[in-house]
């Protein structure tokens, strides 16, 4: 009886260790995904800032050209 109980406990312990190992792997994968998503968000913010700056420069240049063209046509 004692040996049977001991064997059952070893089996249960082994299953629990496997489950714990799987949970650790899941946790590690989630950490990696979180870091990747944070990095992607930062990259997207940088691209948006660059695009915003380019748009401002474009419209500033366009405005200068428009004002210059109107000035040339004035009598």
N, C-alpha and C. Protein backbone atom coordinates (compact mmCIF):
# COMPACT_ATOMS: atom_id res chain seq x y z
N UNK A 1 0.82 -1.21 0.00
CA UNK A 1 0.00 0.00 0.00
C UNK A 1 0.86 1.27 0.00
N UNK A 2 1.83 1.26 0.85
CA UNK A 2 2.70 2.43 0.96
C UNK A 2 3.44 2.69 -0.36
N UNK A 3 3.91 1.61 -0.99
CA UNK A 3 4.63 1.74 -2.26
C UNK A 3 3.68 2.25 -3.35
N UNK A 4 2.45 1.77 -3.33
CA UNK A 4 1.47 2.21 -4.32
C UNK A 4 1.16 3.70 -4.14
N UNK A 5 1.00 4.13 -2.91
CA UNK A 5 0.75 5.55 -2.63
C UNK A 5 1.93 6.40 -3.04
N UNK A 6 3.12 5.89 -2.79
CA UNK A 6 4.33 6.61 -3.16
C UNK A 6 4.44 6.74 -4.68
N UNK A 7 4.13 5.67 -5.40
CA UNK A 7 4.19 5.70 -6.86
C UNK A 7 3.17 6.70 -7.41
N UNK A 8 1.97 6.71 -6.83
CA UNK A 8 0.95 7.66 -7.27
C UNK A 8 1.39 9.10 -7.02
N UNK A 9 2.01 9.32 -5.89
CA UNK A 9 2.49 10.67 -5.57
C UNK A 9 3.59 11.11 -6.53
N UNK A 10 4.47 10.16 -6.90
CA UNK A 10 5.53 10.49 -7.87
C UNK A 10 4.94 10.85 -9.23
N UNK A 11 3.92 10.07 -9.64
CA UNK A 11 3.27 10.36 -10.92
C UNK A 11 2.62 11.74 -10.88
N UNK A 12 1.93 12.00 -9.78
CA UNK A 12 1.26 13.31 -9.65
C UNK A 12 2.29 14.43 -9.64
N UNK A 13 3.37 14.22 -8.92
CA UNK A 13 4.44 15.22 -8.85
C UNK A 13 5.02 15.47 -10.23
N UNK A 14 5.20 14.41 -11.00
CA UNK A 14 5.74 14.53 -12.35
C UNK A 14 4.78 15.35 -13.23
N UNK A 15 3.48 15.05 -13.15
CA UNK A 15 2.49 15.81 -13.93
C UNK A 15 2.50 17.28 -13.52
N UNK A 16 2.57 17.53 -12.23
CA UNK A 16 2.58 18.92 -11.76
C UNK A 16 3.83 19.65 -12.24
N UNK A 17 4.95 18.98 -12.26
CA UNK A 17 6.19 19.60 -12.75
C UNK A 17 6.07 19.92 -14.23
N UNK A 18 5.45 19.02 -15.00
CA UNK A 18 5.25 19.26 -16.43
C UNK A 18 4.31 20.46 -16.64
N UNK A 19 3.24 20.52 -15.85
CA UNK A 19 2.31 21.64 -15.95
C UNK A 19 3.01 22.96 -15.59
N UNK A 20 3.81 22.93 -14.56
CA UNK A 20 4.55 24.12 -14.16
C UNK A 20 5.50 24.56 -15.27
N UNK A 21 6.18 23.60 -15.88
CA UNK A 21 7.09 23.91 -16.98
C UNK A 21 6.33 24.54 -18.14
N UNK A 22 5.15 24.00 -18.46
CA UNK A 22 4.33 24.56 -19.54
C UNK A 22 3.90 25.98 -19.21
N UNK A 23 3.51 26.21 -17.97
CA UNK A 23 3.10 27.56 -17.56
C UNK A 23 4.27 28.54 -17.64
N UNK A 24 5.45 28.09 -17.29
CA UNK A 24 6.64 28.95 -17.40
C UNK A 24 6.90 29.32 -18.85
N UNK A 25 6.74 28.33 -19.75
CA UNK A 25 6.94 28.59 -21.18
C UNK A 25 5.91 29.58 -21.70
N UNK A 26 4.65 29.41 -21.27
CA UNK A 26 3.60 30.34 -21.68
C UNK A 26 3.93 31.75 -21.20
N UNK A 27 4.38 31.86 -19.96
CA UNK A 27 4.72 33.16 -19.38
C UNK A 27 5.85 33.81 -20.17
N UNK A 28 6.85 33.03 -20.50
CA UNK A 28 7.98 33.55 -21.28
C UNK A 28 7.52 34.03 -22.65
N UNK A 29 6.65 33.25 -23.30
CA UNK A 29 6.13 33.66 -24.61
C UNK A 29 5.32 34.95 -24.49
N UNK A 30 4.52 35.07 -23.45
CA UNK A 30 3.74 36.30 -23.26
C UNK A 30 4.65 37.50 -23.03
N UNK A 31 5.73 37.30 -22.28
CA UNK A 31 6.68 38.39 -22.07
C UNK A 31 7.28 38.84 -23.40
N UNK A 32 7.64 37.88 -24.24
CA UNK A 32 8.22 38.19 -25.54
C UNK A 32 7.21 38.94 -26.41
N UNK A 33 5.97 38.46 -26.43
CA UNK A 33 4.93 39.12 -27.21
C UNK A 33 4.70 40.55 -26.72
N UNK A 34 4.71 40.72 -25.41
CA UNK A 34 4.52 42.06 -24.84
C UNK A 34 5.65 42.99 -25.26
N UNK A 35 6.88 42.53 -25.16
CA UNK A 35 8.02 43.36 -25.58
C UNK A 35 7.93 43.70 -27.07
N UNK A 36 7.54 42.71 -27.88
CA UNK A 36 7.41 42.96 -29.32
C UNK A 36 6.32 43.97 -29.61
N UNK A 37 5.20 43.86 -28.91
CA UNK A 37 4.11 44.82 -29.16
C UNK A 37 4.51 46.22 -28.70
N UNK A 38 5.25 46.31 -27.59
CA UNK A 38 5.72 47.62 -27.13
C UNK A 38 6.69 48.22 -28.14
N UNK A 39 7.56 47.39 -28.67
CA UNK A 39 8.52 47.87 -29.67
C UNK A 39 7.79 48.31 -30.94
N UNK A 40 6.78 47.54 -31.36
CA UNK A 40 6.01 47.91 -32.55
C UNK A 40 5.26 49.21 -32.32
N UNK A 41 4.72 49.40 -31.12
CA UNK A 41 4.00 50.64 -30.81
C UNK A 41 4.96 51.83 -30.86
N UNK A 42 6.14 51.66 -30.29
CA UNK A 42 7.14 52.74 -30.31
C UNK A 42 7.54 53.07 -31.75
N UNK A 43 7.74 52.04 -32.57
CA UNK A 43 8.10 52.27 -33.97
C UNK A 43 6.98 53.00 -34.70
N UNK A 44 5.74 52.61 -34.43
CA UNK A 44 4.59 53.27 -35.08
C UNK A 44 4.51 54.73 -34.65
N UNK A 45 4.75 55.00 -33.38
CA UNK A 45 4.73 56.39 -32.91
C UNK A 45 5.82 57.21 -33.59
N UNK A 46 7.00 56.63 -33.74
CA UNK A 46 8.09 57.35 -34.41
C UNK A 46 7.73 57.63 -35.87
N UNK A 47 7.14 56.63 -36.55
CA UNK A 47 6.73 56.84 -37.94
C UNK A 47 5.66 57.91 -38.04
N UNK A 48 4.72 57.89 -37.11
CA UNK A 48 3.67 58.90 -37.12
C UNK A 48 4.24 60.30 -36.91
N UNK A 49 5.19 60.43 -35.99
CA UNK A 49 5.81 61.73 -35.75
C UNK A 49 6.56 62.21 -36.99
N UNK A 50 7.27 61.30 -37.64
CA UNK A 50 8.00 61.65 -38.85
C UNK A 50 7.03 62.06 -39.95
N UNK A 51 5.96 61.30 -40.12
CA UNK A 51 4.96 61.64 -41.12
C UNK A 51 4.31 62.99 -40.82
N UNK A 52 4.01 63.23 -39.56
CA UNK A 52 3.42 64.51 -39.17
C UNK A 52 4.36 65.67 -39.54
N UNK A 53 5.65 65.49 -39.24
CA UNK A 53 6.64 66.52 -39.56
C UNK A 53 6.73 66.73 -41.07
N UNK A 54 6.74 65.64 -41.84
CA UNK A 54 6.81 65.75 -43.29
C UNK A 54 5.57 66.45 -43.84
N UNK A 55 4.40 66.14 -43.28
CA UNK A 55 3.17 66.79 -43.74
C UNK A 55 3.20 68.28 -43.43
N UNK A 56 3.67 68.64 -42.25
CA UNK A 56 3.76 70.06 -41.89
C UNK A 56 4.71 70.79 -42.83
N UNK A 57 5.85 70.17 -43.14
CA UNK A 57 6.80 70.79 -44.06
C UNK A 57 6.19 70.93 -45.46
N UNK A 58 5.48 69.89 -45.88
CA UNK A 58 4.86 69.92 -47.20
C UNK A 58 3.84 71.04 -47.29
N UNK A 59 2.95 71.13 -46.30
CA UNK A 59 1.92 72.16 -46.35
C UNK A 59 2.51 73.55 -46.17
N UNK A 60 3.59 73.64 -45.41
CA UNK A 60 4.26 74.93 -45.27
C UNK A 60 4.84 75.36 -46.62
N UNK A 61 5.48 74.44 -47.30
CA UNK A 61 6.04 74.72 -48.62
C UNK A 61 4.94 75.03 -49.62
N UNK A 62 3.86 74.26 -49.58
CA UNK A 62 2.74 74.49 -50.47
C UNK A 62 2.13 75.87 -50.23
N UNK A 63 2.01 76.22 -48.96
CA UNK A 63 1.48 77.55 -48.62
C UNK A 63 2.38 78.65 -49.16
N UNK A 64 3.69 78.48 -49.04
CA UNK A 64 4.63 79.48 -49.55
C UNK A 64 4.52 79.59 -51.06
N UNK A 65 4.38 78.49 -51.74
CA UNK A 65 4.25 78.51 -53.20
C UNK A 65 2.95 79.18 -53.61
N UNK A 66 1.87 78.90 -52.87
CA UNK A 66 0.57 79.49 -53.17
C UNK A 66 0.61 81.01 -52.97
N UNK A 67 1.20 81.43 -51.88
CA UNK A 67 1.31 82.86 -51.60
C UNK A 67 2.19 83.51 -52.65
N UNK A 68 3.25 82.88 -53.05
CA UNK A 68 4.15 83.41 -54.08
C UNK A 68 3.45 83.51 -55.41
N UNK A 69 2.65 82.54 -55.76
CA UNK A 69 1.92 82.55 -57.03
C UNK A 69 0.89 83.66 -57.03
N UNK A 70 0.22 83.88 -55.95
CA UNK A 70 -0.78 84.95 -55.86
C UNK A 70 -0.09 86.31 -55.96
N UNK A 71 1.09 86.41 -55.37
CA UNK A 71 1.83 87.67 -55.41
C UNK A 71 2.25 88.03 -56.83
N UNK A 72 2.59 87.02 -57.63
CA UNK A 72 3.00 87.27 -59.01
C UNK A 72 1.82 87.73 -59.87
N UNK A 73 0.61 87.29 -59.55
CA UNK A 73 -0.54 87.62 -60.37
C UNK A 73 -1.14 88.97 -59.98
N UNK A 74 -0.78 89.48 -58.85
CA UNK A 74 -1.37 90.76 -58.40
C UNK A 74 -0.92 91.89 -59.30
N UNK A 75 -1.79 92.86 -59.58
CA UNK A 75 -1.45 93.98 -60.49
C UNK A 75 -0.45 94.93 -59.87
